[in-house]
C-alpha atoms as a PDB file:
ATOM      1  CA  MET A   1     -66.152  86.096 -50.511  1.00  0.00           C
ATOM      2  CA  GLN A   2     -69.701  88.123 -50.969  1.00  0.00           C
ATOM      3  CA  LYS A   3     -71.954  85.573 -53.288  1.00  0.00           C
ATOM      4  CA  VAL A   4     -72.747  87.416 -56.244  1.00  0.00           C
ATOM      5  CA  THR A   5     -76.324  87.229 -55.997  1.00  0.00           C
ATOM      6  CA  GLU A   6     -75.596  89.066 -52.577  1.00  0.00           C
ATOM      7  CA  GLN A   7     -74.059  92.283 -53.944  1.00  0.00           C
ATOM      8  CA  PRO A   8     -75.325  95.461 -53.587  1.00  0.00           C
ATOM      9  CA  SER A   9     -77.276  96.852 -56.411  1.00  0.00           C
ATOM     10  CA  LEU A  10     -76.160  98.780 -59.121  1.00  0.00           C
ATOM     11  CA  TYR A  11     -78.673 100.915 -58.456  1.00  0.00           C
ATOM     12  CA  ASP A  12     -79.605 103.054 -55.654  1.00  0.00           C
ATOM     13  CA  ASN A  13     -82.294 105.340 -53.769  1.00  0.00           C
ATOM     14  CA  LEU A  14     -85.329 103.185 -55.444  1.00  0.00           C
ATOM     15  CA  GLU A  15     -87.616 104.659 -53.593  1.00  0.00           C
ATOM     16  CA  GLN A  16     -87.152 107.881 -54.931  1.00  0.00           C
ATOM     17  CA  MET A  17     -87.173 106.848 -58.796  1.00  0.00           C
ATOM     18  CA  SER A  18     -89.995 107.613 -60.816  1.00  0.00           C
ATOM     19  CA  THR A  19     -92.444 104.179 -61.622  1.00  0.00           C
ATOM     20  CA  ARG A  20     -91.129 105.031 -65.143  1.00  0.00           C
ATOM     21  CA  ASP A  21     -87.425 105.033 -64.197  1.00  0.00           C
ATOM     22  CA  LEU A  22     -88.137 101.751 -61.798  1.00  0.00           C
ATOM     23  CA  LEU A  23     -89.066  99.950 -64.773  1.00  0.00           C
ATOM     24  CA  VAL A  24     -86.723 100.656 -67.027  1.00  0.00           C
ATOM     25  CA  ASN A  25     -84.245 100.083 -65.206  1.00  0.00           C
ATOM     26  CA  ILE A  26     -85.056  96.444 -64.094  1.00  0.00           C
ATOM     27  CA  ASN A  27     -85.779  95.970 -67.701  1.00  0.00           C
ATOM     28  CA  ASN A  28     -82.105  96.602 -68.618  1.00  0.00           C
ATOM     29  CA  GLU A  29     -80.930  94.459 -65.769  1.00  0.00           C
ATOM     30  CA  ASP A  30     -83.126  91.834 -67.334  1.00  0.00           C
ATOM     31  CA  LYS A  31     -81.404  92.269 -70.890  1.00  0.00           C
ATOM     32  CA  SER A  32     -78.589  90.871 -69.555  1.00  0.00           C
ATOM     33  CA  VAL A  33     -79.795  87.227 -68.671  1.00  0.00           C
ATOM     34  CA  PRO A  34     -80.225  85.671 -71.714  1.00  0.00           C
ATOM     35  CA  LEU A  35     -76.628  86.751 -72.429  1.00  0.00           C
ATOM     36  CA  ALA A  36     -75.458  85.155 -69.405  1.00  0.00           C
ATOM     37  CA  VAL A  37     -77.311  82.000 -70.180  1.00  0.00           C
ATOM     38  CA  GLU A  38     -75.910  81.509 -73.418  1.00  0.00           C
ATOM     39  CA  LYS A  39     -72.802  81.022 -71.935  1.00  0.00           C
ATOM     40  CA  CYS A  40     -73.816  77.572 -70.466  1.00  0.00           C
ATOM     41  CA  ILE A  41     -75.145  75.791 -73.469  1.00  0.00           C
ATOM     42  CA  PRO A  42     -72.051  73.634 -73.485  1.00  0.00           C
ATOM     43  CA  GLU A  43     -73.401  72.108 -69.866  1.00  0.00           C
ATOM     44  CA  ILE A  44     -77.326  72.511 -71.031  1.00  0.00           C
ATOM     45  CA  GLU A  45     -76.778  70.127 -74.000  1.00  0.00           C
ATOM     46  CA  LYS A  46     -75.017  67.756 -72.138  1.00  0.00           C
ATOM     47  CA  LEU A  47     -77.669  67.822 -69.361  1.00  0.00           C
ATOM     48  CA  VAL A  48     -80.047  67.555 -72.230  1.00  0.00           C
ATOM     49  CA  ASP A  49     -78.725  64.257 -74.040  1.00  0.00           C
ATOM     50  CA  GLY A  50     -77.998  62.864 -70.888  1.00  0.00           C
ATOM     51  CA  ILE A  51     -81.796  63.274 -70.152  1.00  0.00           C
ATOM     52  CA  ILE A  52     -82.637  61.645 -73.610  1.00  0.00           C
ATOM     53  CA  ALA A  53     -80.485  58.817 -73.297  1.00  0.00           C
ATOM     54  CA  ARG A  54     -82.367  57.643 -69.447  1.00  0.00           C
ATOM     55  CA  MET A  55     -85.336  58.609 -70.554  1.00  0.00           C
ATOM     56  CA  ASN A  56     -84.990  56.241 -73.737  1.00  0.00           C
ATOM     57  CA  ARG A  57     -83.994  53.451 -71.010  1.00  0.00           C
ATOM     58  CA  GLY A  58     -87.325  54.535 -69.415  1.00  0.00           C
ATOM     59  CA  GLY A  59     -86.166  57.038 -66.705  1.00  0.00           C
ATOM     60  CA  ARG A  60     -87.200  59.911 -65.413  1.00  0.00           C
ATOM     61  CA  LEU A  61     -86.116  63.640 -64.712  1.00  0.00           C
ATOM     62  CA  PHE A  62     -86.361  65.051 -61.082  1.00  0.00           C
ATOM     63  CA  TYR A  63     -85.945  68.715 -59.663  1.00  0.00           C
ATOM     64  CA  ILE A  64     -85.721  69.889 -56.892  1.00  0.00           C
ATOM     65  CA  GLY A  65     -85.462  73.317 -54.875  1.00  0.00           C
ATOM     66  CA  ALA A  66     -86.391  75.506 -52.444  1.00  0.00           C
ATOM     67  CA  GLY A  67     -88.906  79.034 -52.465  1.00  0.00           C
ATOM     68  CA  THR A  68     -88.680  80.245 -55.969  1.00  0.00           C
ATOM     69  CA  SER A  69     -85.921  77.389 -57.129  1.00  0.00           C
ATOM     70  CA  GLY A  70     -88.555  74.685 -56.243  1.00  0.00           C
ATOM     71  CA  ARG A  71     -91.236  77.115 -57.357  1.00  0.00           C
ATOM     72  CA  LEU A  72     -89.767  77.253 -60.819  1.00  0.00           C
ATOM     73  CA  GLY A  73     -88.969  73.148 -61.041  1.00  0.00           C
ATOM     74  CA  ILE A  74     -92.546  72.686 -60.411  1.00  0.00           C
ATOM     75  CA  LEU A  75     -94.076  74.685 -62.801  1.00  0.00           C
ATOM     76  CA  ASP A  76     -91.459  73.818 -65.457  1.00  0.00           C
ATOM     77  CA  ALA A  77     -92.588  69.664 -64.529  1.00  0.00           C
ATOM     78  CA  SER A  78     -96.090  70.688 -64.251  1.00  0.00           C
ATOM     79  CA  GLU A  79     -96.482  72.012 -68.164  1.00  0.00           C
ATOM     80  CA  ILE A  80     -95.092  69.073 -70.008  1.00  0.00           C
ATOM     81  CA  PRO A  81     -97.950  67.031 -69.378  1.00  0.00           C
ATOM     82  CA  PRO A  82    -100.578  69.050 -70.946  1.00  0.00           C
ATOM     83  CA  THR A  83     -98.024  70.582 -74.288  1.00  0.00           C
ATOM     84  CA  TYR A  84     -96.942  67.510 -74.780  1.00  0.00           C
ATOM     85  CA  GLY A  85     -98.529  64.600 -73.932  1.00  0.00           C
ATOM     86  CA  ALA A  86     -96.373  63.468 -71.685  1.00  0.00           C
ATOM     87  CA  PRO A  87     -96.526  61.184 -68.473  1.00  0.00           C
ATOM     88  CA  PHE A  88     -97.418  63.254 -64.997  1.00  0.00           C
ATOM     89  CA  GLU A  89     -94.405  61.392 -64.220  1.00  0.00           C
ATOM     90  CA  LEU A  90     -92.109  61.759 -66.607  1.00  0.00           C
ATOM     91  CA  ILE A  91     -90.933  64.971 -64.943  1.00  0.00           C
ATOM     92  CA  ILE A  92     -91.144  65.738 -60.908  1.00  0.00           C
ATOM     93  CA  GLY A  93     -91.201  68.674 -59.211  1.00  0.00           C
ATOM     94  CA  LEU A  94     -90.478  68.729 -55.743  1.00  0.00           C
ATOM     95  CA  ILE A  95     -89.937  71.898 -53.350  1.00  0.00           C
ATOM     96  CA  ALA A  96     -88.469  72.165 -49.704  1.00  0.00           C
ATOM     97  CA  GLY A  97     -91.745  71.612 -47.402  1.00  0.00           C
ATOM     98  CA  GLY A  98     -93.543  69.965 -50.062  1.00  0.00           C
ATOM     99  CA  ASP A  99     -97.107  71.536 -51.711  1.00  0.00           C
ATOM    100  CA  THR A 100     -97.939  73.720 -49.041  1.00  0.00           C
ATOM    101  CA  ALA A 101     -94.484  75.449 -49.920  1.00  0.00           C
ATOM    102  CA  LEU A 102     -95.634  76.616 -53.164  1.00  0.00           C
ATOM    103  CA  ARG A 103     -97.821  79.517 -51.703  1.00  0.00           C
ATOM    104  CA  ARG A 104     -96.206  79.836 -48.090  1.00  0.00           C
ATOM    105  CA  ALA A 105     -92.970  79.288 -46.768  1.00  0.00           C
ATOM    106  CA  VAL A 106     -92.012  76.399 -44.612  1.00  0.00           C
ATOM    107  CA  GLU A 107     -89.739  77.306 -41.738  1.00  0.00           C
ATOM    108  CA  SER A 108     -86.667  75.397 -42.207  1.00  0.00           C
ATOM    109  CA  ALA A 109     -87.670  72.919 -44.767  1.00  0.00           C
ATOM    110  CA  GLU A 110     -84.950  74.168 -46.850  1.00  0.00           C
ATOM    111  CA  ASP A 111     -82.155  73.412 -43.887  1.00  0.00           C
ATOM    112  CA  LYS A 112     -82.584  69.822 -43.933  1.00  0.00           C
ATOM    113  CA  ILE A 113     -80.190  67.985 -45.785  1.00  0.00           C
ATOM    114  CA  ASP A 114     -81.586  64.994 -46.037  1.00  0.00           C
ATOM    115  CA  GLY A 115     -85.189  65.955 -47.164  1.00  0.00           C
ATOM    116  CA  ALA A 116     -84.554  65.347 -50.543  1.00  0.00           C
ATOM    117  CA  TRP A 117     -84.165  62.259 -50.394  1.00  0.00           C
ATOM    118  CA  LYS A 118     -86.754  61.028 -48.597  1.00  0.00           C
ATOM    119  CA  ASP A 119     -89.164  63.109 -50.636  1.00  0.00           C
ATOM    120  CA  MET A 120     -87.546  61.380 -53.704  1.00  0.00           C
ATOM    121  CA  ALA A 121     -87.960  57.917 -51.757  1.00  0.00           C
ATOM    122  CA  LYS A 122     -91.544  57.547 -52.580  1.00  0.00           C
ATOM    123  CA  TYR A 123     -91.096  57.575 -56.359  1.00  0.00           C
ATOM    124  CA  ASN A 124     -88.152  54.190 -56.135  1.00  0.00           C
ATOM    125  CA  PRO A 125     -85.204  56.505 -57.928  1.00  0.00           C
ATOM    126  CA  THR A 126     -83.276  54.441 -59.960  1.00  0.00           C
ATOM    127  CA  THR A 127     -79.891  55.137 -61.596  1.00  0.00           C
ATOM    128  CA  ASP A 128     -81.606  55.297 -65.211  1.00  0.00           C
ATOM    129  CA  ASP A 129     -83.234  58.711 -63.231  1.00  0.00           C
ATOM    130  CA  VAL A 130     -81.422  62.582 -63.532  1.00  0.00           C
ATOM    131  CA  LEU A 131     -81.861  64.985 -60.632  1.00  0.00           C
ATOM    132  CA  VAL A 132     -81.030  68.596 -61.256  1.00  0.00           C
ATOM    133  CA  GLY A 133     -80.612  70.575 -58.144  1.00  0.00           C
ATOM    134  CA  ILE A 134     -82.245  74.567 -58.600  1.00  0.00           C
ATOM    135  CA  ALA A 135     -80.764  77.267 -56.085  1.00  0.00           C
ATOM    136  CA  ALA A 136     -79.647  80.623 -57.008  1.00  0.00           C
ATOM    137  CA  SER A 137     -77.443  80.770 -54.110  1.00  0.00           C
ATOM    138  CA  GLY A 138     -75.731  77.629 -54.449  1.00  0.00           C
ATOM    139  CA  THR A 139     -75.958  76.996 -50.836  1.00  0.00           C
ATOM    140  CA  THR A 140     -79.504  74.781 -50.114  1.00  0.00           C
ATOM    141  CA  PRO A 141     -79.063  72.585 -47.992  1.00  0.00           C
ATOM    142  CA  TYR A 142     -82.137  70.329 -48.806  1.00  0.00           C
ATOM    143  CA  VAL A 143     -80.376  71.045 -52.400  1.00  0.00           C
ATOM    144  CA  ILE A 144     -76.832  69.794 -51.665  1.00  0.00           C
ATOM    145  CA  GLY A 145     -77.979  66.903 -49.730  1.00  0.00           C
ATOM    146  CA  GLY A 146     -80.163  65.414 -52.311  1.00  0.00           C
ATOM    147  CA  LEU A 147     -77.746  66.173 -54.910  1.00  0.00           C
ATOM    148  CA  ARG A 148     -74.964  64.010 -52.743  1.00  0.00           C
ATOM    149  CA  ASP A 149     -77.496  61.172 -52.528  1.00  0.00           C
ATOM    150  CA  ALA A 150     -78.566  60.605 -55.534  1.00  0.00           C
ATOM    151  CA  ARG A 151     -74.998  61.031 -56.752  1.00  0.00           C
ATOM    152  CA  ASN A 152     -73.889  57.734 -54.166  1.00  0.00           C
ATOM    153  CA  ASN A 153     -76.857  55.882 -55.500  1.00  0.00           C
ATOM    154  CA  GLY A 154     -75.790  56.482 -59.369  1.00  0.00           C
ATOM    155  CA  LEU A 155     -78.071  59.012 -60.574  1.00  0.00           C
ATOM    156  CA  LEU A 156     -76.895  61.421 -63.141  1.00  0.00           C
ATOM    157  CA  THR A 157     -76.797  64.688 -60.926  1.00  0.00           C
ATOM    158  CA  ALA A 158     -76.747  68.907 -62.382  1.00  0.00           C
ATOM    159  CA  SER A 159     -77.152  72.098 -61.099  1.00  0.00           C
ATOM    160  CA  ILE A 160     -78.464  75.454 -61.774  1.00  0.00           C
ATOM    161  CA  THR A 161     -76.812  77.824 -59.961  1.00  0.00           C
ATOM    162  CA  CYS A 162     -76.103  81.801 -60.273  1.00  0.00           C
ATOM    163  CA  ASN A 163     -73.142  82.120 -57.679  1.00  0.00           C
ATOM    164  CA  PRO A 164     -69.668  80.358 -58.978  1.00  0.00           C
ATOM    165  CA  ASP A 165     -67.568  77.540 -57.631  1.00  0.00           C
ATOM    166  CA  SER A 166     -70.847  76.862 -55.066  1.00  0.00           C
ATOM    167  CA  PRO A 167     -71.586  73.694 -52.535  1.00  0.00           C
ATOM    168  CA  VAL A 168     -74.504  72.534 -54.859  1.00  0.00           C
ATOM    169  CA  ALA A 169     -72.517  72.962 -58.126  1.00  0.00           C
ATOM    170  CA  ALA A 170     -69.287  70.823 -56.101  1.00  0.00           C
ATOM    171  CA  GLU A 171     -72.230  67.871 -55.557  1.00  0.00           C
ATOM    172  CA  ALA A 172     -73.007  67.892 -59.112  1.00  0.00           C
ATOM    173  CA  GLU A 173     -71.288  66.049 -62.227  1.00  0.00           C
ATOM    174  CA  ILE A 174     -72.777  68.710 -64.515  1.00  0.00           C
ATOM    175  CA  LYS A 175     -72.905  72.361 -63.441  1.00  0.00           C
ATOM    176  CA  ILE A 176     -74.763  75.638 -64.969  1.00  0.00           C
ATOM    177  CA  GLU A 177     -73.744  78.270 -63.491  1.00  0.00           C
ATOM    178  CA  VAL A 178     -75.628  81.450 -64.809  1.00  0.00           C
ATOM    179  CA  ILE A 179     -74.138  84.504 -63.737  1.00  0.00           C
ATOM    180  CA  VAL A 180     -76.338  87.378 -63.577  1.00  0.00           C
ATOM    181  CA  GLY A 181     -74.871  89.982 -61.250  1.00  0.00           C
ATOM    182  CA  PRO A 182     -76.489  92.022 -58.318  1.00  0.00           C
ATOM    183  CA  GLU A 183     -79.903  92.139 -58.372  1.00  0.00           C
ATOM    184  CA  PHE A 184     -81.973  95.030 -58.937  1.00  0.00           C
ATOM    185  CA  VAL A 185     -83.235  94.440 -55.352  1.00  0.00           C
ATOM    186  CA  THR A 186     -80.132  93.970 -53.899  1.00  0.00           C
ATOM    187  CA  GLY A 187     -80.209  90.253 -53.216  1.00  0.00           C
ATOM    188  CA  SER A 188     -83.841  89.369 -54.808  1.00  0.00           C
ATOM    189  CA  THR A 189     -83.431  86.309 -56.286  1.00  0.00           C
ATOM    190  CA  ARG A 190     -86.509  85.958 -57.713  1.00  0.00           C
ATOM    191  CA  MET A 191     -85.840  88.823 -60.189  1.00  0.00           C
ATOM    192  CA  LYS A 192     -82.841  87.963 -62.741  1.00  0.00           C
ATOM    193  CA  SER A 193     -81.783  84.939 -60.688  1.00  0.00           C
ATOM    194  CA  GLY A 194     -85.147  83.278 -61.087  1.00  0.00           C
ATOM    195  CA  THR A 195     -85.179  85.177 -64.806  1.00  0.00           C
ATOM    196  CA  ALA A 196     -82.176  82.750 -65.394  1.00  0.00           C
ATOM    197  CA  GLN A 197     -83.542  79.669 -64.300  1.00  0.00           C
ATOM    198  CA  LYS A 198     -86.739  79.816 -65.993  1.00  0.00           C
ATOM    199  CA  LEU A 199     -84.940  80.238 -68.998  1.00  0.00           C
ATOM    200  CA  VAL A 200     -82.811  77.201 -67.961  1.00  0.00           C
ATOM    201  CA  LEU A 201     -85.615  74.913 -67.436  1.00  0.00           C
ATOM    202  CA  ASN A 202     -87.418  75.899 -70.601  1.00  0.00           C
ATOM    203  CA  MET A 203     -84.562  75.222 -72.670  1.00  0.00           C
ATOM    204  CA  ILE A 204     -83.775  71.684 -70.791  1.00  0.00           C
ATOM    205  CA  SER A 205     -87.711  70.372 -70.938  1.00  0.00           C
ATOM    206  CA  THR A 206     -88.382  71.464 -74.372  1.00  0.00           C
ATOM    207  CA  VAL A 207     -85.218  70.050 -76.283  1.00  0.00           C
ATOM    208  CA  THR A 208     -85.745  66.932 -74.443  1.00  0.00           C
ATOM    209  CA  MET A 209     -89.343  66.922 -75.717  1.00  0.00           C
ATOM    210  CA  VAL A 210     -88.257  67.416 -79.097  1.00  0.00           C
ATOM    211  CA  ARG A 211     -85.617  64.690 -79.531  1.00  0.00           C
ATOM    212  CA  LEU A 212     -88.045  62.496 -77.913  1.00  0.00           C
ATOM    213  CA  GLY A 213     -90.492  63.014 -80.882  1.00  0.00           C
ATOM    214  CA  LYS A 214     -93.179  65.296 -79.091  1.00  0.00           C
ATOM    215  CA  VAL A 215     -92.995  67.788 -81.585  1.00  0.00           C
ATOM    216  CA  LYS A 216     -93.878  67.729 -85.521  1.00  0.00           C
ATOM    217  CA  GLY A 217     -92.327  70.081 -87.792  1.00  0.00           C
ATOM    218  CA  ASN A 218     -92.917  72.934 -85.059  1.00  0.00           C
ATOM    219  CA  LYS A 219     -96.414  72.253 -83.586  1.00  0.00           C
ATOM    220  CA  MET A 220     -97.453  70.279 -80.141  1.00  0.00           C
ATOM    221  CA  PHE A 221     -98.665  66.800 -81.571  1.00  0.00           C
ATOM    222  CA  ASP A 222     -99.085  65.346 -78.248  1.00  0.00           C
ATOM    223  CA  MET A 223    -100.476  68.433 -76.256  1.00  0.00           C
ATOM    224  CA  GLN A 224    -103.525  67.022 -74.572  1.00  0.00           C
ATOM    225  CA  LEU A 225    -107.304  68.764 -75.621  1.00  0.00           C
ATOM    226  CA  SER A 226    -107.995  70.366 -72.321  1.00  0.00           C
ATOM    227  CA  ASN A 227    -109.625  73.295 -73.346  1.00  0.00           C
ATOM    228  CA  GLU A 228    -111.610  74.843 -76.695  1.00  0.00           C
ATOM    229  CA  LYS A 229    -108.539  76.693 -77.575  1.00  0.00           C
ATOM    230  CA  LEU A 230    -106.311  73.888 -77.469  1.00  0.00           C
ATOM    231  CA  VAL A 231    -109.215  71.968 -80.364  1.00  0.00           C
ATOM    232  CA  ASP A 232    -109.089  74.773 -82.039  1.00  0.00           C
ATOM    233  CA  ARG A 233    -105.533  74.894 -82.420  1.00  0.00           C
ATOM    234  CA  GLY A 234    -105.237  71.421 -82.763  1.00  0.00           C
ATOM    235  CA  SER A 235    -107.992  70.842 -85.992  1.00  0.00           C
ATOM    236  CA  ARG A 236    -106.123  73.891 -87.353  1.00  0.00           C
ATOM    237  CA  MET A 237    -103.118  71.472 -87.193  1.00  0.00           C
ATOM    238  CA  ILE A 238    -104.372  68.584 -88.628  1.00  0.00           C
ATOM    239  CA  ALA A 239    -105.888  71.261 -91.391  1.00  0.00           C
ATOM    240  CA  GLU A 240    -102.636  71.911 -92.148  1.00  0.00           C
ATOM    241  CA  ALA A 241    -101.090  68.862 -92.261  1.00  0.00           C
ATOM    242  CA  THR A 242    -103.634  66.921 -94.338  1.00  0.00           C
ATOM    243  CA  GLY A 243    -105.211  70.064 -96.279  1.00  0.00           C
ATOM    244  CA  LEU A 244    -108.899  68.742 -95.032  1.00  0.00           C
ATOM    245  CA  SER A 245    -111.533  71.369 -93.851  1.00  0.00           C
ATOM    246  CA  TYR A 246    -111.419  72.651 -90.330  1.00  0.00           C
ATOM    247  CA  GLU A 247    -114.653  71.234 -89.719  1.00  0.00           C
ATOM    248  CA  GLU A 248    -113.468  67.739 -91.122  1.00  0.00           C
ATOM    249  CA  SER A 249    -110.344  68.093 -89.192  1.00  0.00           C
ATOM    250  CA  LYS A 250    -111.942  69.045 -85.817  1.00  0.00           C
ATOM    251  CA  ARG A 251    -114.095  65.857 -86.431  1.00  0.00           C
ATOM    252  CA  MET A 252    -111.158  63.379 -86.795  1.00  0.00           C
ATOM    253  CA  LEU A 253    -109.685  65.302 -83.567  1.00  0.00           C
ATOM    254  CA  LEU A 254    -112.633  64.515 -81.711  1.00  0.00           C
ATOM    255  CA  LEU A 255    -112.826  61.187 -83.221  1.00  0.00           C
ATOM    256  CA  TYR A 256    -109.453  60.332 -82.765  1.00  0.00           C
ATOM    257  CA  GLY A 257    -108.960  62.211 -79.336  1.00  0.00           C
ATOM    258  CA  SER A 258    -105.144  63.494 -80.576  1.00  0.00           C
ATOM    259  CA  VAL A 259    -103.409  65.874 -83.148  1.00  0.00           C
ATOM    260  CA  ARG A 260    -101.167  62.706 -83.962  1.00  0.00           C
ATOM    261  CA  THR A 261    -103.681  60.027 -84.021  1.00  0.00           C
ATOM    262  CA  ALA A 262    -105.337  62.064 -86.394  1.00  0.00           C
ATOM    263  CA  VAL A 263    -103.032  62.617 -88.937  1.00  0.00           C
ATOM    264  CA  ASP A 264    -101.929  58.912 -88.652  1.00  0.00           C
ATOM    265  CA  GLU A 265    -104.784  57.903 -89.530  1.00  0.00           C
ATOM    266  CA  PHE A 266    -105.800  60.153 -92.373  1.00  0.00           C
ATOM    267  CA  TYR A 267    -102.036  59.309 -94.425  1.00  0.00           C
ATOM    268  CA  LYS A 268    -102.958  55.034 -93.608  1.00  0.00           C
ATOM    269  CA  SER A 269    -106.631  55.756 -94.820  1.00  0.00           C
ATOM    270  CA  LYS A 270    -104.697  56.800 -98.179  1.00  0.00           C
ATOM    271  CA  LYS A 271    -102.259  54.010 -99.333  1.00  0.00           C
END
């Protein structure tokens, strides 16, 4: 049976469409993605609760994938330390073929069924860790093997796929199957499938960070102060939380190095 992600596009003769028609039709297709993600919330919830429980015991979250799927996992993992002040190795993204594959495809890397577990080995995975395999097709050997090895070694495993009943999902305890239908350009899974994967990854990491106490109210109290924009944002957050002037808030931020510490020190001084 033909994979959903490989089915012919609902649109044909794309080369004859105007720029406006192409843009409108892509946008129309993209509108269906959040609805497909919505159907997966129960599975995403189960995964996030599992991640939180294990991180509270010192565990980590690993993402594995090839091509677009691997790049999306690495993107999500790389944004957590600056956004939430989390350790760099709390969420780890791995791609078939290594960092070289972020910019250029590495021939046959995704076909190595033992590749993912070998890539994870240097991190000394434990039973407190979680592995999420990402594969739009659901047939990537690198992801299949990684999930199988991880599950055999006692890790919690989950998959994010865009085809139903796939070999990747069969290896995972938690199966997140976001069925978005045929792509606008037939088989181009960097489009709707990639968007769906990005939305799910956003949900997983964001909710995990919120539940672990990295957000206060709706603010990123533990963000890294890596540029002037973030120093300005942090200063305004302190001013809002304490009633101090912007100038005094910025002084405290630069003194203590984090929004959370500055706010905590302010209230300590008032006791």
